[in-house]
Amino acid sequence: MMAANQLLALGIISVALAFLAVNVQALKTQRYQMEQAVIVNRLAKEASQEIRDGQNQVILTRAGYTALGTKAGVQVKQGAKVILEVRP
């Protein structure tokens, strides 16, 4: 009887640890995505601010992202992939 209770307790603890590990990984992924979103939005803001201040064209690069700002709008790319596009 004692061994059965111990096995049940071990099973419950194992499931709880697995659940915790999955949630920790999900939180790490979510944090990374949010940090990348902050970088992208900040680049777009900086590029649009420089355009508003009178620049005709702006190219900013940070953390693997490139922001291209013109009077027609701002694009933030990662390589060839457009991540964010803002038009006036």
PDB file of N, CA and C in Angstrom:
ATOM      1  N   MET A   1       0.827  -1.190   0.000  1.00  0.00           N
ATOM      2  CA  MET A   1       0.000   0.000   0.000  1.00  0.00           C
ATOM      3  C   MET A   1       0.873   1.255   0.000  1.00  0.00           C
ATOM      4  N   MET A   2       1.954   1.235   0.794  1.00  0.00           N
ATOM      5  CA  MET A   2       2.845   2.381   0.883  1.00  0.00           C
ATOM      6  C   MET A   2       3.532   2.627  -0.461  1.00  0.00           C
ATOM      7  N   ALA A   3       3.949   1.575  -1.150  1.00  0.00           N
ATOM      8  CA  ALA A   3       4.617   1.716  -2.440  1.00  0.00           C
ATOM      9  C   ALA A   3       3.665   2.301  -3.477  1.00  0.00           C
ATOM     10  N   ALA A   4       2.403   1.920  -3.450  1.00  0.00           N
ATOM     11  CA  ALA A   4       1.421   2.447  -4.397  1.00  0.00           C
ATOM     12  C   ALA A   4       1.236   3.948  -4.184  1.00  0.00           C
ATOM     13  N   ASN A   5       1.165   4.373  -2.939  1.00  0.00           N
ATOM     14  CA  ASN A   5       1.025   5.803  -2.639  1.00  0.00           C
ATOM     15  C   ASN A   5       2.253   6.588  -3.098  1.00  0.00           C
ATOM     16  N   GLN A   6       3.422   5.990  -2.893  1.00  0.00           N
ATOM     17  CA  GLN A   6       4.650   6.657  -3.305  1.00  0.00           C
ATOM     18  C   GLN A   6       4.729   6.759  -4.829  1.00  0.00           C
ATOM     19  N   LEU A   7       4.301   5.709  -5.524  1.00  0.00           N
ATOM     20  CA  LEU A   7       4.294   5.747  -6.989  1.00  0.00           C
ATOM     21  C   LEU A   7       3.302   6.789  -7.504  1.00  0.00           C
ATOM     22  N   LEU A   8       2.150   6.864  -6.867  1.00  0.00           N
ATOM     23  CA  LEU A   8       1.154   7.865  -7.255  1.00  0.00           C
ATOM     24  C   LEU A   8       1.710   9.273  -7.030  1.00  0.00           C
ATOM     25  N   ALA A   9       2.344   9.497  -5.894  1.00  0.00           N
ATOM     26  CA  ALA A   9       2.939  10.805  -5.601  1.00  0.00           C
ATOM     27  C   ALA A   9       4.041  11.137  -6.605  1.00  0.00           C
ATOM     28  N   LEU A  10       4.857  10.151  -6.941  1.00  0.00           N
ATOM     29  CA  LEU A  10       5.916  10.356  -7.923  1.00  0.00           C
ATOM     30  C   LEU A  10       5.329  10.698  -9.289  1.00  0.00           C
ATOM     31  N   GLY A  11       4.258  10.026  -9.655  1.00  0.00           N
ATOM     32  CA  GLY A  11       3.588  10.322 -10.927  1.00  0.00           C
ATOM     33  C   GLY A  11       3.042  11.738 -10.963  1.00  0.00           C
ATOM     34  N   ILE A  12       2.426  12.165  -9.877  1.00  0.00           N
ATOM     35  CA  ILE A  12       1.871  13.521  -9.810  1.00  0.00           C
ATOM     36  C   ILE A  12       2.983  14.560  -9.891  1.00  0.00           C
ATOM     37  N   ILE A  13       4.071  14.322  -9.181  1.00  0.00           N
ATOM     38  CA  ILE A  13       5.202  15.254  -9.218  1.00  0.00           C
ATOM     39  C   ILE A  13       5.811  15.301 -10.617  1.00  0.00           C
ATOM     40  N   SER A  14       5.912  14.155 -11.271  1.00  0.00           N
ATOM     41  CA  SER A  14       6.465  14.110 -12.630  1.00  0.00           C
ATOM     42  C   SER A  14       5.604  14.911 -13.599  1.00  0.00           C
ATOM     43  N   VAL A  15       4.293  14.756 -13.509  1.00  0.00           N
ATOM     44  CA  VAL A  15       3.385  15.508 -14.380  1.00  0.00           C
ATOM     45  C   VAL A  15       3.498  17.003 -14.092  1.00  0.00           C
ATOM     46  N   ALA A  16       3.579  17.369 -12.824  1.00  0.00           N
ATOM     47  CA  ALA A  16       3.700  18.782 -12.454  1.00  0.00           C
ATOM     48  C   ALA A  16       5.002  19.381 -12.992  1.00  0.00           C
ATOM     49  N   LEU A  17       6.098  18.643 -12.904  1.00  0.00           N
ATOM     50  CA  LEU A  17       7.379  19.136 -13.415  1.00  0.00           C
ATOM     51  C   LEU A  17       7.354  19.279 -14.934  1.00  0.00           C
ATOM     52  N   ALA A  18       6.735  18.322 -15.614  1.00  0.00           N
ATOM     53  CA  ALA A  18       6.617  18.413 -17.071  1.00  0.00           C
ATOM     54  C   ALA A  18       5.782  19.637 -17.457  1.00  0.00           C
ATOM     55  N   PHE A  19       4.680  19.855 -16.744  1.00  0.00           N
ATOM     56  CA  PHE A  19       3.824  21.014 -16.987  1.00  0.00           C
ATOM     57  C   PHE A  19       4.608  22.305 -16.769  1.00  0.00           C
ATOM     58  N   LEU A  20       5.390  22.357 -15.712  1.00  0.00           N
ATOM     59  CA  LEU A  20       6.204  23.528 -15.412  1.00  0.00           C
ATOM     60  C   LEU A  20       7.230  23.778 -16.517  1.00  0.00           C
ATOM     61  N   ALA A  21       7.890  22.727 -16.975  1.00  0.00           N
ATOM     62  CA  ALA A  21       8.905  22.869 -18.018  1.00  0.00           C
ATOM     63  C   ALA A  21       8.293  23.397 -19.313  1.00  0.00           C
ATOM     64  N   VAL A  22       7.125  22.893 -19.676  1.00  0.00           N
ATOM     65  CA  VAL A  22       6.449  23.359 -20.890  1.00  0.00           C
ATOM     66  C   VAL A  22       6.085  24.835 -20.753  1.00  0.00           C
ATOM     67  N   ASN A  23       5.571  25.227 -19.597  1.00  0.00           N
ATOM     68  CA  ASN A  23       5.178  26.622 -19.396  1.00  0.00           C
ATOM     69  C   ASN A  23       6.375  27.560 -19.369  1.00  0.00           C
ATOM     70  N   VAL A  24       7.479  27.130 -18.794  1.00  0.00           N
ATOM     71  CA  VAL A  24       8.686  27.960 -18.782  1.00  0.00           C
ATOM     72  C   VAL A  24       9.166  28.191 -20.209  1.00  0.00           C
ATOM     73  N   GLN A  25       9.159  27.148 -21.029  1.00  0.00           N
ATOM     74  CA  GLN A  25       9.576  27.291 -22.425  1.00  0.00           C
ATOM     75  C   GLN A  25       8.633  28.217 -23.181  1.00  0.00           C
ATOM     76  N   ALA A  26       7.339  28.095 -22.940  1.00  0.00           N
ATOM     77  CA  ALA A  26       6.365  28.971 -23.598  1.00  0.00           C
ATOM     78  C   ALA A  26       6.590  30.428 -23.196  1.00  0.00           C
ATOM     79  N   LEU A  27       6.892  30.669 -21.936  1.00  0.00           N
ATOM     80  CA  LEU A  27       7.161  32.033 -21.476  1.00  0.00           C
ATOM     81  C   LEU A  27       8.433  32.600 -22.104  1.00  0.00           C
ATOM     82  N   LYS A  28       9.460  31.769 -22.253  1.00  0.00           N
ATOM     83  CA  LYS A  28      10.690  32.222 -22.909  1.00  0.00           C
ATOM     84  C   LYS A  28      10.417  32.607 -24.354  1.00  0.00           C
ATOM     85  N   THR A  29       9.632  31.788 -25.046  1.00  0.00           N
ATOM     86  CA  THR A  29       9.287  32.070 -26.438  1.00  0.00           C
ATOM     87  C   THR A  29       8.480  33.359 -26.543  1.00  0.00           C
ATOM     88  N   GLN A  30       7.516  33.522 -25.666  1.00  0.00           N
ATOM     89  CA  GLN A  30       6.687  34.724 -25.672  1.00  0.00           C
ATOM     90  C   GLN A  30       7.526  35.969 -25.381  1.00  0.00           C
ATOM     91  N   ARG A  31       8.442  35.873 -24.449  1.00  0.00           N
ATOM     92  CA  ARG A  31       9.304  37.012 -24.123  1.00  0.00           C
ATOM     93  C   ARG A  31      10.172  37.384 -25.321  1.00  0.00           C
ATOM     94  N   TYR A  32      10.743  36.390 -26.003  1.00  0.00           N
ATOM     95  CA  TYR A  32      11.566  36.649 -27.181  1.00  0.00           C
ATOM     96  C   TYR A  32      10.747  37.364 -28.256  1.00  0.00           C
ATOM     97  N   GLN A  33       9.530  36.876 -28.499  1.00  0.00           N
ATOM     98  CA  GLN A  33       8.677  37.492 -29.513  1.00  0.00           C
ATOM     99  C   GLN A  33       8.335  38.932 -29.147  1.00  0.00           C
ATOM    100  N   MET A  34       8.086  39.180 -27.883  1.00  0.00           N
ATOM    101  CA  MET A  34       7.763  40.541 -27.442  1.00  0.00           C
ATOM    102  C   MET A  34       8.975  41.459 -27.559  1.00  0.00           C
ATOM    103  N   GLU A  35      10.162  40.960 -27.254  1.00  0.00           N
ATOM    104  CA  GLU A  35      11.378  41.761 -27.400  1.00  0.00           C
ATOM    105  C   GLU A  35      11.614  42.116 -28.862  1.00  0.00           C
ATOM    106  N   GLN A  36      11.362  41.157 -29.762  1.00  0.00           N
ATOM    107  CA  GLN A  36      11.522  41.421 -31.190  1.00  0.00           C
ATOM    108  C   GLN A  36      10.505  42.459 -31.662  1.00  0.00           C
ATOM    109  N   ALA A  37       9.282  42.378 -31.156  1.00  0.00           N
ATOM    110  CA  ALA A  37       8.249  43.355 -31.520  1.00  0.00           C
ATOM    111  C   ALA A  37       8.645  44.754 -31.061  1.00  0.00           C
ATOM    112  N   VAL A  38       9.247  44.863 -29.891  1.00  0.00           N
ATOM    113  CA  VAL A  38       9.702  46.170 -29.397  1.00  0.00           C
ATOM    114  C   VAL A  38      10.787  46.723 -30.314  1.00  0.00           C
ATOM    115  N   ILE A  39      11.725  45.890 -30.726  1.00  0.00           N
ATOM    116  CA  ILE A  39      12.800  46.332 -31.622  1.00  0.00           C
ATOM    117  C   ILE A  39      12.217  46.827 -32.938  1.00  0.00           C
ATOM    118  N   VAL A  40      11.300  46.057 -33.517  1.00  0.00           N
ATOM    119  CA  VAL A  40      10.697  46.415 -34.804  1.00  0.00           C
ATOM    120  C   VAL A  40       9.929  47.728 -34.686  1.00  0.00           C
ATOM    121  N   ASN A  41       9.111  47.855 -33.667  1.00  0.00           N
ATOM    122  CA  ASN A  41       8.315  49.074 -33.501  1.00  0.00           C
ATOM    123  C   ASN A  41       9.186  50.291 -33.212  1.00  0.00           C
ATOM    124  N   ARG A  42      10.240  50.102 -32.451  1.00  0.00           N
ATOM    125  CA  ARG A  42      11.145  51.211 -32.152  1.00  0.00           C
ATOM    126  C   ARG A  42      11.868  51.671 -33.417  1.00  0.00           C
ATOM    127  N   LEU A  43      12.297  50.716 -34.243  1.00  0.00           N
ATOM    128  CA  LEU A  43      12.941  51.078 -35.509  1.00  0.00           C
ATOM    129  C   LEU A  43      11.985  51.869 -36.395  1.00  0.00           C
ATOM    130  N   ALA A  44      10.742  51.406 -36.493  1.00  0.00           N
ATOM    131  CA  ALA A  44       9.748  52.105 -37.312  1.00  0.00           C
ATOM    132  C   ALA A  44       9.507  53.516 -36.776  1.00  0.00           C
ATOM    133  N   LYS A  45       9.435  53.649 -35.472  1.00  0.00           N
ATOM    134  CA  LYS A  45       9.216  54.966 -34.855  1.00  0.00           C
ATOM    135  C   LYS A  45      10.387  55.896 -35.140  1.00  0.00           C
ATOM    136  N   GLU A  46      11.610  55.393 -34.984  1.00  0.00           N
ATOM    137  CA  GLU A  46      12.789  56.224 -35.226  1.00  0.00           C
ATOM    138  C   GLU A  46      12.868  56.653 -36.686  1.00  0.00           C
ATOM    139  N   ALA A  47      12.572  55.724 -37.599  1.00  0.00           N
ATOM    140  CA  ALA A  47      12.614  56.059 -39.025  1.00  0.00           C
ATOM    141  C   ALA A  47      11.543  57.086 -39.369  1.00  0.00           C
ATOM    142  N   SER A  48      10.334  56.904 -38.858  1.00  0.00           N
ATOM    143  CA  SER A  48       9.259  57.858 -39.160  1.00  0.00           C
ATOM    144  C   SER A  48       9.555  59.226 -38.545  1.00  0.00           C
ATOM    145  N   GLN A  49      10.190  59.243 -37.388  1.00  0.00           N
ATOM    146  CA  GLN A  49      10.553  60.520 -36.756  1.00  0.00           C
ATOM    147  C   GLN A  49      11.571  61.271 -37.607  1.00  0.00           C
ATOM    148  N   GLU A  50      12.552  60.558 -38.145  1.00  0.00           N
ATOM    149  CA  GLU A  50      13.554  61.210 -38.990  1.00  0.00           C
ATOM    150  C   GLU A  50      12.929  61.731 -40.279  1.00  0.00           C
ATOM    151  N   ILE A  51      11.974  60.991 -40.837  1.00  0.00           N
ATOM    152  CA  ILE A  51      11.266  61.461 -42.032  1.00  0.00           C
ATOM    153  C   ILE A  51      10.470  62.722 -41.686  1.00  0.00           C
ATOM    154  N   ARG A  52       9.796  62.702 -40.556  1.00  0.00           N
ATOM    155  CA  ARG A  52       9.014  63.860 -40.124  1.00  0.00           C
ATOM    156  C   ARG A  52       9.923  65.071 -39.858  1.00  0.00           C
ATOM    157  N   ASP A  53      11.162  64.805 -39.447  1.00  0.00           N
ATOM    158  CA  ASP A  53      12.111  65.892 -39.186  1.00  0.00           C
ATOM    159  C   ASP A  53      12.747  66.445 -40.458  1.00  0.00           C
ATOM    160  N   GLY A  54      12.391  65.899 -41.629  1.00  0.00           N
ATOM    161  CA  GLY A  54      12.856  66.481 -42.880  1.00  0.00           C
ATOM    162  C   GLY A  54      13.730  65.606 -43.750  1.00  0.00           C
ATOM    163  N   GLN A  55      14.132  64.440 -43.295  1.00  0.00           N
ATOM    164  CA  GLN A  55      14.925  63.545 -44.137  1.00  0.00           C
ATOM    165  C   GLN A  55      14.053  63.021 -45.282  1.00  0.00           C
ATOM    166  N   ASN A  56      14.645  62.826 -46.453  1.00  0.00           N
ATOM    167  CA  ASN A  56      13.893  62.264 -47.580  1.00  0.00           C
ATOM    168  C   ASN A  56      13.846  60.746 -47.522  1.00  0.00           C
ATOM    169  N   GLN A  57      14.933  60.157 -47.054  1.00  0.00           N
ATOM    170  CA  GLN A  57      15.012  58.699 -46.957  1.00  0.00           C
ATOM    171  C   GLN A  57      15.886  58.341 -45.760  1.00  0.00           C
ATOM    172  N   VAL A  58      15.473  57.297 -45.051  1.00  0.00           N
ATOM    173  CA  VAL A  58      16.202  56.858 -43.862  1.00  0.00           C
ATOM    174  C   VAL A  58      16.360  55.347 -43.927  1.00  0.00           C
ATOM    175  N   ILE A  59      17.553  54.867 -43.606  1.00  0.00           N
ATOM    176  CA  ILE A  59      17.787  53.430 -43.473  1.00  0.00           C
ATOM    177  C   ILE A  59      18.440  53.207 -42.114  1.00  0.00           C
ATOM    178  N   LEU A  60      17.768  52.434 -41.279  1.00  0.00           N
ATOM    179  CA  LEU A  60      18.282  52.102 -39.950  1.00  0.00           C
ATOM    180  C   LEU A  60      18.386  50.589 -39.836  1.00  0.00           C
ATOM    181  N   THR A  61      19.452  50.119 -39.208  1.00  0.00           N
ATOM    182  CA  THR A  61      19.637  48.682 -39.027  1.00  0.00           C
ATOM    183  C   THR A  61      19.929  48.402 -37.562  1.00  0.00           C
ATOM    184  N   ARG A  62      19.240  47.380 -37.044  1.00  0.00           N
ATOM    185  CA  ARG A  62      19.467  46.990 -35.652  1.00  0.00           C
ATOM    186  C   ARG A  62      18.997  45.551 -35.460  1.00  0.00           C
ATOM    187  N   ALA A  63      19.825  44.746 -34.819  1.00  0.00           N
ATOM    188  CA  ALA A  63      19.480  43.377 -34.404  1.00  0.00           C
ATOM    189  C   ALA A  63      18.925  42.534 -35.549  1.00  0.00           C
ATOM    190  N   GLY A  64      19.484  42.696 -36.742  1.00  0.00           N
ATOM    191  CA  GLY A  64      19.042  41.879 -37.868  1.00  0.00           C
ATOM    192  C   GLY A  64      17.834  42.429 -38.609  1.00  0.00           C
ATOM    193  N   TYR A  65      17.333  43.583 -38.197  1.00  0.00           N
ATOM    194  CA  TYR A  65      16.192  44.224 -38.849  1.00  0.00           C
ATOM    195  C   TYR A  65      16.671  45.493 -39.541  1.00  0.00           C
ATOM    196  N   THR A  66      16.038  45.815 -40.670  1.00  0.00           N
ATOM    197  CA  THR A  66      16.351  47.032 -41.399  1.00  0.00           C
ATOM    198  C   THR A  66      15.073  47.821 -41.604  1.00  0.00           C
ATOM    199  N   ALA A  67      15.101  49.092 -41.228  1.00  0.00           N
ATOM    200  CA  ALA A  67      13.956  49.976 -41.439  1.00  0.00           C
ATOM    201  C   ALA A  67      14.286  50.920 -42.581  1.00  0.00           C
ATOM    202  N   LEU A  68      13.389  50.984 -43.554  1.00  0.00           N
ATOM    203  CA  LEU A  68      13.521  51.898 -44.677  1.00  0.00           C
ATOM    204  C   LEU A  68      12.364  52.877 -44.603  1.00  0.00           C
ATOM    205  N   GLY A  69      12.690  54.137 -44.410  1.00  0.00           N
ATOM    206  CA  GLY A  69      11.656  55.159 -44.306  1.00  0.00           C
ATOM    207  C   GLY A  69      11.739  56.132 -45.455  1.00  0.00           C
ATOM    208  N   THR A  70      10.594  56.432 -46.052  1.00  0.00           N
ATOM    209  CA  THR A  70      10.464  57.453 -47.086  1.00  0.00           C
ATOM    210  C   THR A  70       9.196  58.238 -46.785  1.00  0.00           C
ATOM    211  N   LYS A  71       8.924  59.251 -47.614  1.00  0.00           N
ATOM    212  CA  LYS A  71       7.687  60.014 -47.444  1.00  0.00           C
ATOM    213  C   LYS A  71       6.462  59.122 -47.670  1.00  0.00           C
ATOM    214  N   ALA A  72       6.626  58.010 -48.397  1.00  0.00           N
ATOM    215  CA  ALA A  72       5.508  57.100 -48.683  1.00  0.00           C
ATOM    216  C   ALA A  72       5.213  56.153 -47.527  1.00  0.00           C
ATOM    217  N   GLY A  73       6.121  56.062 -46.558  1.00  0.00           N
ATOM    218  CA  GLY A  73       5.883  55.191 -45.414  1.00  0.00           C
ATOM    219  C   GLY A  73       7.162  54.554 -44.904  1.00  0.00           C
ATOM    220  N   VAL A  74       6.991  53.645 -43.975  1.00  0.00           N
ATOM    221  CA  VAL A  74       8.127  52.960 -43.348  1.00  0.00           C
ATOM    222  C   VAL A  74       7.915  51.459 -43.452  1.00  0.00           C
ATOM    223  N   GLN A  75       8.967  50.761 -43.845  1.00  0.00           N
ATOM    224  CA  GLN A  75       8.966  49.297 -43.857  1.00  0.00           C
ATOM    225  C   GLN A  75      10.095  48.809 -42.974  1.00  0.00           C
ATOM    226  N   VAL A  76       9.803  47.800 -42.164  1.00  0.00           N
ATOM    227  CA  VAL A  76      10.840  47.144 -41.380  1.00  0.00           C
ATOM    228  C   VAL A  76      10.926  45.719 -41.894  1.00  0.00           C
ATOM    229  N   LYS A  77      12.138  45.317 -42.290  1.00  0.00           N
ATOM    230  CA  LYS A  77      12.347  43.994 -42.876  1.00  0.00           C
ATOM    231  C   LYS A  77      13.361  43.205 -42.068  1.00  0.00           C
ATOM    232  N   GLN A  78      13.203  41.894 -42.148  1.00  0.00           N
ATOM    233  CA  GLN A  78      14.221  40.974 -41.646  1.00  0.00           C
ATOM    234  C   GLN A  78      14.640  40.171 -42.861  1.00  0.00           C
ATOM    235  N   GLY A  79      15.794  40.516 -43.409  1.00  0.00           N
ATOM    236  CA  GLY A  79      16.180  39.947 -44.692  1.00  0.00           C
ATOM    237  C   GLY A  79      15.267  40.529 -45.761  1.00  0.00           C
ATOM    238  N   ALA A  80      14.609  39.655 -46.534  1.00  0.00           N
ATOM    239  CA  ALA A  80      13.678  40.108 -47.568  1.00  0.00           C
ATOM    240  C   ALA A  80      12.236  40.129 -47.075  1.00  0.00           C
ATOM    241  N   LYS A  81      12.007  39.626 -45.881  1.00  0.00           N
ATOM    242  CA  LYS A  81      10.639  39.512 -45.344  1.00  0.00           C
ATOM    243  C   LYS A  81      10.215  40.817 -44.673  1.00  0.00           C
ATOM    244  N   VAL A  82       9.088  41.367 -45.115  1.00  0.00           N
ATOM    245  CA  VAL A  82       8.546  42.581 -44.506  1.00  0.00           C
ATOM    246  C   VAL A  82       7.862  42.194 -43.200  1.00  0.00           C
ATOM    247  N   ILE A  83       8.337  42.760 -42.099  1.00  0.00           N
ATOM    248  CA  ILE A  83       7.794  42.471 -40.775  1.00  0.00           C
ATOM    249  C   ILE A  83       6.713  43.483 -40.408  1.00  0.00           C
ATOM    250  N   LEU A  84       6.945  44.753 -40.768  1.00  0.00           N
ATOM    251  CA  LEU A  84       6.007  45.821 -40.419  1.00  0.00           C
ATOM    252  C   LEU A  84       6.025  46.854 -41.524  1.00  0.00           C
ATOM    253  N   GLU A  85       4.854  47.330 -41.894  1.00  0.00           N
ATOM    254  CA  GLU A  85       4.746  48.389 -42.892  1.00  0.00           C
ATOM    255  C   GLU A  85       3.742  49.416 -42.386  1.00  0.00           C
ATOM    256  N   VAL A  86       4.173  50.684 -42.402  1.00  0.00           N
ATOM    257  CA  VAL A  86       3.320  51.774 -41.936  1.00  0.00           C
ATOM    258  C   VAL A  86       3.269  52.823 -43.034  1.00  0.00           C
ATOM    259  N   ARG A  87       2.060  53.213 -43.385  1.00  0.00           N
ATOM    260  CA  ARG A  87       1.871  54.255 -44.401  1.00  0.00           C
ATOM    261  C   ARG A  87       1.135  55.433 -43.772  1.00  0.00           C
ATOM    262  N   PRO A  88       1.461  56.650 -44.256  1.00  0.00           N
ATOM    263  CA  PRO A  88       0.780  57.832 -43.695  1.00  0.00           C
ATOM    264  C   PRO A  88      -0.691  57.892 -44.077  1.00  0.00           C
TER     265      PRO A  88
END
